[in-house]
Amino acid sequence: MTSRREFVVQLGVGASALLAGGQVFAQAMVDEKDAQAAALGYKADTTKVDNKKFASHKPDQNCANCALYQAKAGDKAGGCPLFAGKKVAGAGWCSAWAKKG
């Protein structure tokens, strides 16, 4: 059985390893089947979103025009704080979409 203290230490070690290897992880794209992505309804192509399940989705919404998207204008993919260490497609969408600006 792992104590809470051991867990916190292990979590810190794991986080350090992720930061050290950030360049490798930064290049990976989010998989739509990833647990976090599935929970948020992420699709790499906004036209593939289930509009019955996600009624808030609008055709003009995509990651590139979301306030959380971390990339330059015109980039095909960029970072998102919801998917730490992975990129999302600029043409993608998830239920956490928030209007930029």
PDB file of N, CA and C in Angstrom:
ATOM      1  N   MET A   1       0.843  -1.183   0.000  1.00  0.00           N
ATOM      2  CA  MET A   1       0.000   0.000   0.000  1.00  0.00           C
ATOM      3  C   MET A   1       0.886   1.244   0.000  1.00  0.00           C
ATOM      4  N   THR A   2       0.584   2.176  -0.851  1.00  0.00           N
ATOM      5  CA  THR A   2       1.354   3.404  -0.958  1.00  0.00           C
ATOM      6  C   THR A   2       0.729   4.472  -0.069  1.00  0.00           C
ATOM      7  N   SER A   3       1.571   5.108   0.719  1.00  0.00           N
ATOM      8  CA  SER A   3       1.066   6.183   1.573  1.00  0.00           C
ATOM      9  C   SER A   3       0.858   7.438   0.733  1.00  0.00           C
ATOM     10  N   ARG A   4       0.128   8.364   1.284  1.00  0.00           N
ATOM     11  CA  ARG A   4      -0.114   9.628   0.597  1.00  0.00           C
ATOM     12  C   ARG A   4       1.197  10.343   0.332  1.00  0.00           C
ATOM     13  N   ARG A   5       2.104  10.324   1.307  1.00  0.00           N
ATOM     14  CA  ARG A   5       3.394  10.997   1.161  1.00  0.00           C
ATOM     15  C   ARG A   5       4.196  10.377   0.014  1.00  0.00           C
ATOM     16  N   GLU A   6       4.212   9.039  -0.052  1.00  0.00           N
ATOM     17  CA  GLU A   6       4.937   8.363  -1.136  1.00  0.00           C
ATOM     18  C   GLU A   6       4.314   8.708  -2.489  1.00  0.00           C
ATOM     19  N   PHE A   7       3.002   8.771  -2.517  1.00  0.00           N
ATOM     20  CA  PHE A   7       2.314   9.114  -3.758  1.00  0.00           C
ATOM     21  C   PHE A   7       2.700  10.514  -4.229  1.00  0.00           C
ATOM     22  N   VAL A   8       2.707  11.472  -3.316  1.00  0.00           N
ATOM     23  CA  VAL A   8       3.055  12.851  -3.664  1.00  0.00           C
ATOM     24  C   VAL A   8       4.495  12.920  -4.167  1.00  0.00           C
ATOM     25  N   VAL A   9       5.398  12.192  -3.529  1.00  0.00           N
ATOM     26  CA  VAL A   9       6.795  12.169  -3.977  1.00  0.00           C
ATOM     27  C   VAL A   9       6.889  11.572  -5.376  1.00  0.00           C
ATOM     28  N   GLN A  10       6.188  10.462  -5.592  1.00  0.00           N
ATOM     29  CA  GLN A  10       6.206   9.823  -6.911  1.00  0.00           C
ATOM     30  C   GLN A  10       5.599  10.739  -7.971  1.00  0.00           C
ATOM     31  N   LEU A  11       4.560  11.445  -7.610  1.00  0.00           N
ATOM     32  CA  LEU A  11       3.942  12.386  -8.525  1.00  0.00           C
ATOM     33  C   LEU A  11       4.932  13.487  -8.920  1.00  0.00           C
ATOM     34  N   GLY A  12       5.687  13.980  -7.939  1.00  0.00           N
ATOM     35  CA  GLY A  12       6.704  15.003  -8.212  1.00  0.00           C
ATOM     36  C   GLY A  12       7.790  14.491  -9.134  1.00  0.00           C
ATOM     37  N   VAL A  13       8.225  13.259  -8.901  1.00  0.00           N
ATOM     38  CA  VAL A  13       9.256  12.655  -9.751  1.00  0.00           C
ATOM     39  C   VAL A  13       8.722  12.494 -11.172  1.00  0.00           C
ATOM     40  N   GLY A  14       7.484  12.040 -11.293  1.00  0.00           N
ATOM     41  CA  GLY A  14       6.881  11.874 -12.619  1.00  0.00           C
ATOM     42  C   GLY A  14       6.745  13.197 -13.345  1.00  0.00           C
ATOM     43  N   ALA A  15       6.334  14.233 -12.628  1.00  0.00           N
ATOM     44  CA  ALA A  15       6.193  15.554 -13.242  1.00  0.00           C
ATOM     45  C   ALA A  15       7.542  16.081 -13.712  1.00  0.00           C
ATOM     46  N   SER A  16       8.573  15.860 -12.916  1.00  0.00           N
ATOM     47  CA  SER A  16       9.921  16.293 -13.307  1.00  0.00           C
ATOM     48  C   SER A  16      10.364  15.584 -14.579  1.00  0.00           C
ATOM     49  N   ALA A  17      10.067  14.295 -14.664  1.00  0.00           N
ATOM     50  CA  ALA A  17      10.436  13.532 -15.851  1.00  0.00           C
ATOM     51  C   ALA A  17       9.704  14.074 -17.085  1.00  0.00           C
ATOM     52  N   LEU A  18       8.433  14.416 -16.904  1.00  0.00           N
ATOM     53  CA  LEU A  18       7.679  14.980 -18.029  1.00  0.00           C
ATOM     54  C   LEU A  18       8.254  16.315 -18.479  1.00  0.00           C
ATOM     55  N   LEU A  19       8.615  17.148 -17.519  1.00  0.00           N
ATOM     56  CA  LEU A  19       9.198  18.443 -17.872  1.00  0.00           C
ATOM     57  C   LEU A  19      10.536  18.273 -18.570  1.00  0.00           C
ATOM     58  N   ALA A  20      11.334  17.338 -18.096  1.00  0.00           N
ATOM     59  CA  ALA A  20      12.646  17.101 -18.700  1.00  0.00           C
ATOM     60  C   ALA A  20      12.507  16.584 -20.127  1.00  0.00           C
ATOM     61  N   GLY A  21      11.484  15.783 -20.368  1.00  0.00           N
ATOM     62  CA  GLY A  21      11.278  15.224 -21.700  1.00  0.00           C
ATOM     63  C   GLY A  21      10.224  15.977 -22.481  1.00  0.00           C
ATOM     64  N   GLY A  22       9.943  17.186 -22.091  1.00  0.00           N
ATOM     65  CA  GLY A  22       8.880  17.980 -22.692  1.00  0.00           C
ATOM     66  C   GLY A  22       8.961  18.114 -24.192  1.00  0.00           C
ATOM     67  N   GLN A  23      10.154  18.190 -24.740  1.00  0.00           N
ATOM     68  CA  GLN A  23      10.294  18.335 -26.185  1.00  0.00           C
ATOM     69  C   GLN A  23       9.692  17.146 -26.913  1.00  0.00           C
ATOM     70  N   VAL A  24       9.888  15.952 -26.366  1.00  0.00           N
ATOM     71  CA  VAL A  24       9.344  14.755 -27.000  1.00  0.00           C
ATOM     72  C   VAL A  24       7.818  14.782 -26.910  1.00  0.00           C
ATOM     73  N   PHE A  25       7.286  15.064 -25.723  1.00  0.00           N
ATOM     74  CA  PHE A  25       5.858  15.057 -25.520  1.00  0.00           C
ATOM     75  C   PHE A  25       5.171  16.205 -26.248  1.00  0.00           C
ATOM     76  N   ALA A  26       5.835  17.311 -26.413  1.00  0.00           N
ATOM     77  CA  ALA A  26       5.227  18.476 -27.044  1.00  0.00           C
ATOM     78  C   ALA A  26       4.862  18.194 -28.500  1.00  0.00           C
ATOM     79  N   GLN A  27       5.496  17.233 -29.095  1.00  0.00           N
ATOM     80  CA  GLN A  27       5.253  16.932 -30.498  1.00  0.00           C
ATOM     81  C   GLN A  27       4.063  15.993 -30.704  1.00  0.00           C
ATOM     82  N   ALA A  28       3.634  15.292 -29.677  1.00  0.00           N
ATOM     83  CA  ALA A  28       2.558  14.317 -29.815  1.00  0.00           C
ATOM     84  C   ALA A  28       1.209  15.016 -29.963  1.00  0.00           C
ATOM     85  N   MET A  29       0.384  14.470 -30.818  1.00  0.00           N
ATOM     86  CA  MET A  29      -0.971  14.985 -30.985  1.00  0.00           C
ATOM     87  C   MET A  29      -1.903  14.267 -30.018  1.00  0.00           C
ATOM     88  N   VAL A  30      -2.928  14.939 -29.587  1.00  0.00           N
ATOM     89  CA  VAL A  30      -3.930  14.338 -28.725  1.00  0.00           C
ATOM     90  C   VAL A  30      -4.679  13.273 -29.520  1.00  0.00           C
ATOM     91  N   ASP A  31      -4.842  12.118 -28.917  1.00  0.00           N
ATOM     92  CA  ASP A  31      -5.619  11.039 -29.523  1.00  0.00           C
ATOM     93  C   ASP A  31      -7.072  11.216 -29.096  1.00  0.00           C
ATOM     94  N   GLU A  32      -7.993  11.177 -30.027  1.00  0.00           N
ATOM     95  CA  GLU A  32      -9.409  11.346 -29.706  1.00  0.00           C
ATOM     96  C   GLU A  32      -9.898  10.298 -28.711  1.00  0.00           C
ATOM     97  N   LYS A  33      -9.215   9.161 -28.642  1.00  0.00           N
ATOM     98  CA  LYS A  33      -9.612   8.079 -27.739  1.00  0.00           C
ATOM     99  C   LYS A  33      -9.009   8.228 -26.349  1.00  0.00           C
ATOM    100  N   ASP A  34      -8.105   9.190 -26.167  1.00  0.00           N
ATOM    101  CA  ASP A  34      -7.527   9.476 -24.860  1.00  0.00           C
ATOM    102  C   ASP A  34      -8.673   9.791 -23.900  1.00  0.00           C
ATOM    103  N   ALA A  35      -8.556   9.365 -22.641  1.00  0.00           N
ATOM    104  CA  ALA A  35      -9.640   9.537 -21.668  1.00  0.00           C
ATOM    105  C   ALA A  35     -10.065  11.002 -21.525  1.00  0.00           C
ATOM    106  N   GLN A  36      -9.101  11.898 -21.405  1.00  0.00           N
ATOM    107  CA  GLN A  36      -9.414  13.335 -21.260  1.00  0.00           C
ATOM    108  C   GLN A  36     -10.091  13.864 -22.527  1.00  0.00           C
ATOM    109  N   ALA A  37      -9.558  13.472 -23.679  1.00  0.00           N
ATOM    110  CA  ALA A  37     -10.126  13.933 -24.946  1.00  0.00           C
ATOM    111  C   ALA A  37     -11.557  13.422 -25.117  1.00  0.00           C
ATOM    112  N   ALA A  38     -11.774  12.163 -24.811  1.00  0.00           N
ATOM    113  CA  ALA A  38     -13.112  11.583 -24.938  1.00  0.00           C
ATOM    114  C   ALA A  38     -14.094  12.260 -23.989  1.00  0.00           C
ATOM    115  N   ALA A  39     -13.648  12.536 -22.775  1.00  0.00           N
ATOM    116  CA  ALA A  39     -14.516  13.190 -21.792  1.00  0.00           C
ATOM    117  C   ALA A  39     -14.939  14.581 -22.248  1.00  0.00           C
ATOM    118  N   LEU A  40     -14.060  15.257 -22.982  1.00  0.00           N
ATOM    119  CA  LEU A  40     -14.349  16.606 -23.468  1.00  0.00           C
ATOM    120  C   LEU A  40     -14.942  16.613 -24.875  1.00  0.00           C
ATOM    121  N   GLY A  41     -15.127  15.430 -25.455  1.00  0.00           N
ATOM    122  CA  GLY A  41     -15.690  15.344 -26.798  1.00  0.00           C
ATOM    123  C   GLY A  41     -14.756  15.844 -27.881  1.00  0.00           C
ATOM    124  N   TYR A  42     -13.437  15.804 -27.627  1.00  0.00           N
ATOM    125  CA  TYR A  42     -12.463  16.325 -28.595  1.00  0.00           C
ATOM    126  C   TYR A  42     -12.517  15.563 -29.919  1.00  0.00           C
ATOM    127  N   LYS A  43     -12.536  16.317 -30.984  1.00  0.00           N
ATOM    128  CA  LYS A  43     -12.409  15.787 -32.345  1.00  0.00           C
ATOM    129  C   LYS A  43     -11.372  16.627 -33.056  1.00  0.00           C
ATOM    130  N   ALA A  44     -10.493  15.989 -33.804  1.00  0.00           N
ATOM    131  CA  ALA A  44      -9.448  16.697 -34.548  1.00  0.00           C
ATOM    132  C   ALA A  44     -10.033  17.487 -35.716  1.00  0.00           C
ATOM    133  N   ASP A  45     -11.265  17.164 -36.096  1.00  0.00           N
ATOM    134  CA  ASP A  45     -11.961  17.854 -37.178  1.00  0.00           C
ATOM    135  C   ASP A  45     -13.312  18.312 -36.636  1.00  0.00           C
ATOM    136  N   THR A  46     -13.497  19.611 -36.519  1.00  0.00           N
ATOM    137  CA  THR A  46     -14.723  20.159 -35.925  1.00  0.00           C
ATOM    138  C   THR A  46     -15.989  19.709 -36.643  1.00  0.00           C
ATOM    139  N   THR A  47     -15.894  19.331 -37.920  1.00  0.00           N
ATOM    140  CA  THR A  47     -17.078  18.878 -38.658  1.00  0.00           C
ATOM    141  C   THR A  47     -17.519  17.484 -38.228  1.00  0.00           C
ATOM    142  N   LYS A  48     -16.709  16.788 -37.447  1.00  0.00           N
ATOM    143  CA  LYS A  48     -17.020  15.423 -36.994  1.00  0.00           C
ATOM    144  C   LYS A  48     -17.649  15.400 -35.598  1.00  0.00           C
ATOM    145  N   VAL A  49     -17.870  16.559 -34.990  1.00  0.00           N
ATOM    146  CA  VAL A  49     -18.440  16.633 -33.649  1.00  0.00           C
ATOM    147  C   VAL A  49     -19.899  16.164 -33.681  1.00  0.00           C
ATOM    148  N   ASP A  50     -20.277  15.379 -32.675  1.00  0.00           N
ATOM    149  CA  ASP A  50     -21.652  14.906 -32.516  1.00  0.00           C
ATOM    150  C   ASP A  50     -22.496  16.068 -31.981  1.00  0.00           C
ATOM    151  N   ASN A  51     -23.191  16.758 -32.869  1.00  0.00           N
ATOM    152  CA  ASN A  51     -23.958  17.941 -32.491  1.00  0.00           C
ATOM    153  C   ASN A  51     -25.175  17.617 -31.621  1.00  0.00           C
ATOM    154  N   LYS A  52     -25.628  16.390 -31.648  1.00  0.00           N
ATOM    155  CA  LYS A  52     -26.732  16.003 -30.765  1.00  0.00           C
ATOM    156  C   LYS A  52     -26.234  15.898 -29.329  1.00  0.00           C
ATOM    157  N   LYS A  53     -25.038  15.366 -29.167  1.00  0.00           N
ATOM    158  CA  LYS A  53     -24.446  15.215 -27.836  1.00  0.00           C
ATOM    159  C   LYS A  53     -23.902  16.551 -27.318  1.00  0.00           C
ATOM    160  N   PHE A  54     -23.347  17.344 -28.223  1.00  0.00           N
ATOM    161  CA  PHE A  54     -22.743  18.634 -27.858  1.00  0.00           C
ATOM    162  C   PHE A  54     -23.493  19.765 -28.558  1.00  0.00           C
ATOM    163  N   ALA A  55     -24.662  20.070 -28.029  1.00  0.00           N
ATOM    164  CA  ALA A  55     -25.527  21.076 -28.630  1.00  0.00           C
ATOM    165  C   ALA A  55     -24.900  22.468 -28.644  1.00  0.00           C
ATOM    166  N   SER A  56     -23.919  22.700 -27.767  1.00  0.00           N
ATOM    167  CA  SER A  56     -23.267  24.014 -27.725  1.00  0.00           C
ATOM    168  C   SER A  56     -22.309  24.233 -28.897  1.00  0.00           C
ATOM    169  N   HIS A  57     -21.970  23.165 -29.609  1.00  0.00           N
ATOM    170  CA  HIS A  57     -21.026  23.263 -30.732  1.00  0.00           C
ATOM    171  C   HIS A  57     -21.650  24.031 -31.898  1.00  0.00           C
ATOM    172  N   LYS A  58     -20.872  24.954 -32.437  1.00  0.00           N
ATOM    173  CA  LYS A  58     -21.274  25.720 -33.624  1.00  0.00           C
ATOM    174  C   LYS A  58     -20.250  25.452 -34.719  1.00  0.00           C
ATOM    175  N   PRO A  59     -20.671  25.437 -35.987  1.00  0.00           N
ATOM    176  CA  PRO A  59     -19.768  25.106 -37.089  1.00  0.00           C
ATOM    177  C   PRO A  59     -18.521  25.984 -37.190  1.00  0.00           C
ATOM    178  N   ASP A  60     -18.618  27.239 -36.742  1.00  0.00           N
ATOM    179  CA  ASP A  60     -17.466  28.142 -36.856  1.00  0.00           C
ATOM    180  C   ASP A  60     -16.505  28.039 -35.669  1.00  0.00           C
ATOM    181  N   GLN A  61     -16.786  27.172 -34.715  1.00  0.00           N
ATOM    182  CA  GLN A  61     -15.901  27.003 -33.561  1.00  0.00           C
ATOM    183  C   GLN A  61     -14.842  25.948 -33.867  1.00  0.00           C
ATOM    184  N   ASN A  62     -13.602  26.264 -33.560  1.00  0.00           N
ATOM    185  CA  ASN A  62     -12.523  25.286 -33.680  1.00  0.00           C
ATOM    186  C   ASN A  62     -11.407  25.674 -32.714  1.00  0.00           C
ATOM    187  N   CYS A  63     -10.455  24.800 -32.541  1.00  0.00           N
ATOM    188  CA  CYS A  63      -9.367  25.063 -31.595  1.00  0.00           C
ATOM    189  C   CYS A  63      -8.613  26.346 -31.940  1.00  0.00           C
ATOM    190  N   ALA A  64      -8.431  26.618 -33.219  1.00  0.00           N
ATOM    191  CA  ALA A  64      -7.659  27.798 -33.638  1.00  0.00           C
ATOM    192  C   ALA A  64      -8.300  29.105 -33.185  1.00  0.00           C
ATOM    193  N   ASN A  65      -9.620  29.129 -32.973  1.00  0.00           N
ATOM    194  CA  ASN A  65     -10.245  30.362 -32.507  1.00  0.00           C
ATOM    195  C   ASN A  65     -10.742  30.241 -31.060  1.00  0.00           C
ATOM    196  N   CYS A  66     -10.146  29.308 -30.324  1.00  0.00           N
ATOM    197  CA  CYS A  66     -10.452  29.114 -28.898  1.00  0.00           C
ATOM    198  C   CYS A  66      -9.446  29.886 -28.045  1.00  0.00           C
ATOM    199  N   ALA A  67      -9.908  30.436 -26.942  1.00  0.00           N
ATOM    200  CA  ALA A  67      -9.040  31.196 -26.034  1.00  0.00           C
ATOM    201  C   ALA A  67      -7.941  30.327 -25.420  1.00  0.00           C
ATOM    202  N   LEU A  68      -8.116  29.025 -25.382  1.00  0.00           N
ATOM    203  CA  LEU A  68      -7.131  28.130 -24.771  1.00  0.00           C
ATOM    204  C   LEU A  68      -6.022  27.701 -25.738  1.00  0.00           C
ATOM    205  N   TYR A  69      -6.221  27.908 -27.023  1.00  0.00           N
ATOM    206  CA  TYR A  69      -5.275  27.461 -28.054  1.00  0.00           C
ATOM    207  C   TYR A  69      -3.974  28.246 -27.972  1.00  0.00           C
ATOM    208  N   GLN A  70      -2.863  27.536 -27.938  1.00  0.00           N
ATOM    209  CA  GLN A  70      -1.546  28.157 -27.791  1.00  0.00           C
ATOM    210  C   GLN A  70      -0.686  27.913 -29.020  1.00  0.00           C
ATOM    211  N   ALA A  71      -0.944  28.673 -30.050  1.00  0.00           N
ATOM    212  CA  ALA A  71      -0.168  28.584 -31.288  1.00  0.00           C
ATOM    213  C   ALA A  71      -0.301  29.909 -32.035  1.00  0.00           C
ATOM    214  N   LYS A  72       0.549  30.070 -33.006  1.00  0.00           N
ATOM    215  CA  LYS A  72       0.488  31.270 -33.840  1.00  0.00           C
ATOM    216  C   LYS A  72      -0.661  31.136 -34.827  1.00  0.00           C
ATOM    217  N   ALA A  73      -1.198  32.256 -35.254  1.00  0.00           N
ATOM    218  CA  ALA A  73      -2.246  32.250 -36.270  1.00  0.00           C
ATOM    219  C   ALA A  73      -1.750  31.503 -37.495  1.00  0.00           C
ATOM    220  N   GLY A  74      -2.559  30.626 -38.007  1.00  0.00           N
ATOM    221  CA  GLY A  74      -2.199  29.860 -39.194  1.00  0.00           C
ATOM    222  C   GLY A  74      -1.541  28.522 -38.913  1.00  0.00           C
ATOM    223  N   ASP A  75      -1.097  28.275 -37.665  1.00  0.00           N
ATOM    224  CA  ASP A  75      -0.502  26.973 -37.331  1.00  0.00           C
ATOM    225  C   ASP A  75      -1.572  25.892 -37.413  1.00  0.00           C
ATOM    226  N   LYS A  76      -1.203  24.739 -37.933  1.00  0.00           N
ATOM    227  CA  LYS A  76      -2.162  23.635 -38.071  1.00  0.00           C
ATOM    228  C   LYS A  76      -2.406  22.916 -36.759  1.00  0.00           C
ATOM    229  N   ALA A  77      -1.499  23.077 -35.793  1.00  0.00           N
ATOM    230  CA  ALA A  77      -1.645  22.438 -34.482  1.00  0.00           C
ATOM    231  C   ALA A  77      -0.949  23.300 -33.439  1.00  0.00           C
ATOM    232  N   GLY A  78      -1.391  23.150 -32.217  1.00  0.00           N
ATOM    233  CA  GLY A  78      -0.796  23.922 -31.136  1.00  0.00           C
ATOM    234  C   GLY A  78      -1.133  23.328 -29.784  1.00  0.00           C
ATOM    235  N   GLY A  79      -0.549  23.878 -28.767  1.00  0.00           N
ATOM    236  CA  GLY A  79      -0.764  23.401 -27.417  1.00  0.00           C
ATOM    237  C   GLY A  79      -2.105  23.823 -26.856  1.00  0.00           C
ATOM    238  N   CYS A  80      -2.529  23.092 -25.832  1.00  0.00           N
ATOM    239  CA  CYS A  80      -3.748  23.416 -25.104  1.00  0.00           C
ATOM    240  C   CYS A  80      -3.523  22.985 -23.659  1.00  0.00           C
ATOM    241  N   PRO A  81      -3.772  23.871 -22.704  1.00  0.00           N
ATOM    242  CA  PRO A  81      -3.529  23.514 -21.308  1.00  0.00           C
ATOM    243  C   PRO A  81      -4.375  22.343 -20.816  1.00  0.00           C
ATOM    244  N   LEU A  82      -5.439  22.018 -21.512  1.00  0.00           N
ATOM    245  CA  LEU A  82      -6.263  20.878 -21.115  1.00  0.00           C
ATOM    246  C   LEU A  82      -5.612  19.549 -21.451  1.00  0.00           C
ATOM    247  N   PHE A  83      -4.674  19.576 -22.386  1.00  0.00           N
ATOM    248  CA  PHE A  83      -3.977  18.375 -22.838  1.00  0.00           C
ATOM    249  C   PHE A  83      -2.475  18.605 -22.716  1.00  0.00           C
ATOM    250  N   ALA A  84      -2.014  18.773 -21.512  1.00  0.00           N
ATOM    251  CA  ALA A  84      -0.614  19.117 -21.234  1.00  0.00           C
ATOM    252  C   ALA A  84       0.363  18.218 -21.980  1.00  0.00           C
ATOM    253  N   GLY A  85       1.303  18.863 -22.670  1.00  0.00           N
ATOM    254  CA  GLY A  85       2.351  18.135 -23.377  1.00  0.00           C
ATOM    255  C   GLY A  85       1.942  17.587 -24.722  1.00  0.00           C
ATOM    256  N   LYS A  86       0.723  17.850 -25.147  1.00  0.00           N
ATOM    257  CA  LYS A  86       0.257  17.355 -26.441  1.00  0.00           C
ATOM    258  C   LYS A  86      -0.329  18.508 -27.238  1.00  0.00           C
ATOM    259  N   LYS A  87      -0.367  18.309 -28.530  1.00  0.00           N
ATOM    260  CA  LYS A  87      -0.934  19.326 -29.421  1.00  0.00           C
ATOM    261  C   LYS A  87      -2.353  18.937 -29.828  1.00  0.00           C
ATOM    262  N   VAL A  88      -3.141  19.950 -30.105  1.00  0.00           N
ATOM    263  CA  VAL A  88      -4.472  19.746 -30.666  1.00  0.00           C
ATOM    264  C   VAL A  88      -4.478  20.308 -32.078  1.00  0.00           C
ATOM    265  N   ALA A  89      -5.342  19.782 -32.899  1.00  0.00           N
ATOM    266  CA  ALA A  89      -5.462  20.275 -34.271  1.00  0.00           C
ATOM    267  C   ALA A  89      -6.159  21.626 -34.269  1.00  0.00           C
ATOM    268  N   GLY A  90      -5.647  22.557 -35.051  1.00  0.00           N
ATOM    269  CA  GLY A  90      -6.285  23.858 -35.171  1.00  0.00           C
ATOM    270  C   GLY A  90      -7.723  23.737 -35.655  1.00  0.00           C
ATOM    271  N   ALA A  91      -7.986  22.722 -36.455  1.00  0.00           N
ATOM    272  CA  ALA A  91      -9.322  22.477 -36.995  1.00  0.00           C
ATOM    273  C   ALA A  91     -10.181  21.648 -36.047  1.00  0.00           C
ATOM    274  N   GLY A  92      -9.650  21.337 -34.867  1.00  0.00           N
ATOM    275  CA  GLY A  92     -10.364  20.504 -33.905  1.00  0.00           C
ATOM    276  C   GLY A  92     -11.350  21.273 -33.041  1.00  0.00           C
ATOM    277  N   TRP A  93     -11.963  20.562 -32.087  1.00  0.00           N
ATOM    278  CA  TRP A  93     -12.924  21.176 -31.171  1.00  0.00           C
ATOM    279  C   TRP A  93     -13.096  20.275 -29.948  1.00  0.00           C
ATOM    280  N   CYS A  94     -13.382  20.887 -28.803  1.00  0.00           N
ATOM    281  CA  CYS A  94     -13.807  20.136 -27.617  1.00  0.00           C
ATOM    282  C   CYS A  94     -14.822  20.966 -26.857  1.00  0.00           C
ATOM    283  N   SER A  95     -15.493  20.365 -25.901  1.00  0.00           N
ATOM    284  CA  SER A  95     -16.570  21.036 -25.187  1.00  0.00           C
ATOM    285  C   SER A  95     -16.100  22.173 -24.283  1.00  0.00           C
ATOM    286  N   ALA A  96     -14.801  22.321 -24.104  1.00  0.00           N
ATOM    287  CA  ALA A  96     -14.269  23.425 -23.300  1.00  0.00           C
ATOM    288  C   ALA A  96     -13.993  24.659 -24.156  1.00  0.00           C
ATOM    289  N   TRP A  97     -14.393  24.637 -25.428  1.00  0.00           N
ATOM    290  CA  TRP A  97     -14.143  25.762 -26.330  1.00  0.00           C
ATOM    291  C   TRP A  97     -14.645  27.054 -25.709  1.00  0.00           C
ATOM    292  N   ALA A  98     -13.815  28.088 -25.766  1.00  0.00           N
ATOM    293  CA  ALA A  98     -14.166  29.426 -25.262  1.00  0.00           C
ATOM    294  C   ALA A  98     -13.733  30.456 -26.289  1.00  0.00           C
ATOM    295  N   LYS A  99     -14.602  31.395 -26.565  1.00  0.00           N
ATOM    296  CA  LYS A  99     -14.305  32.419 -27.575  1.00  0.00           C
ATOM    297  C   LYS A  99     -13.044  33.202 -27.222  1.00  0.00           C
ATOM    298  N   LYS A 100     -12.182  33.332 -28.198  1.00  0.00           N
ATOM    299  CA  LYS A 100     -10.936  34.102 -28.025  1.00  0.00           C
ATOM    300  C   LYS A 100     -11.260  35.577 -28.008  1.00  0.00           C
ATOM    301  N   GLY A 101     -10.576  36.292 -27.087  1.00  0.00           N
ATOM    302  CA  GLY A 101     -10.691  37.743 -27.011  1.00  0.00           C
ATOM    303  C   GLY A 101     -11.969  38.150 -26.443  1.00  0.00           C
TER     304      GLY A 101
END
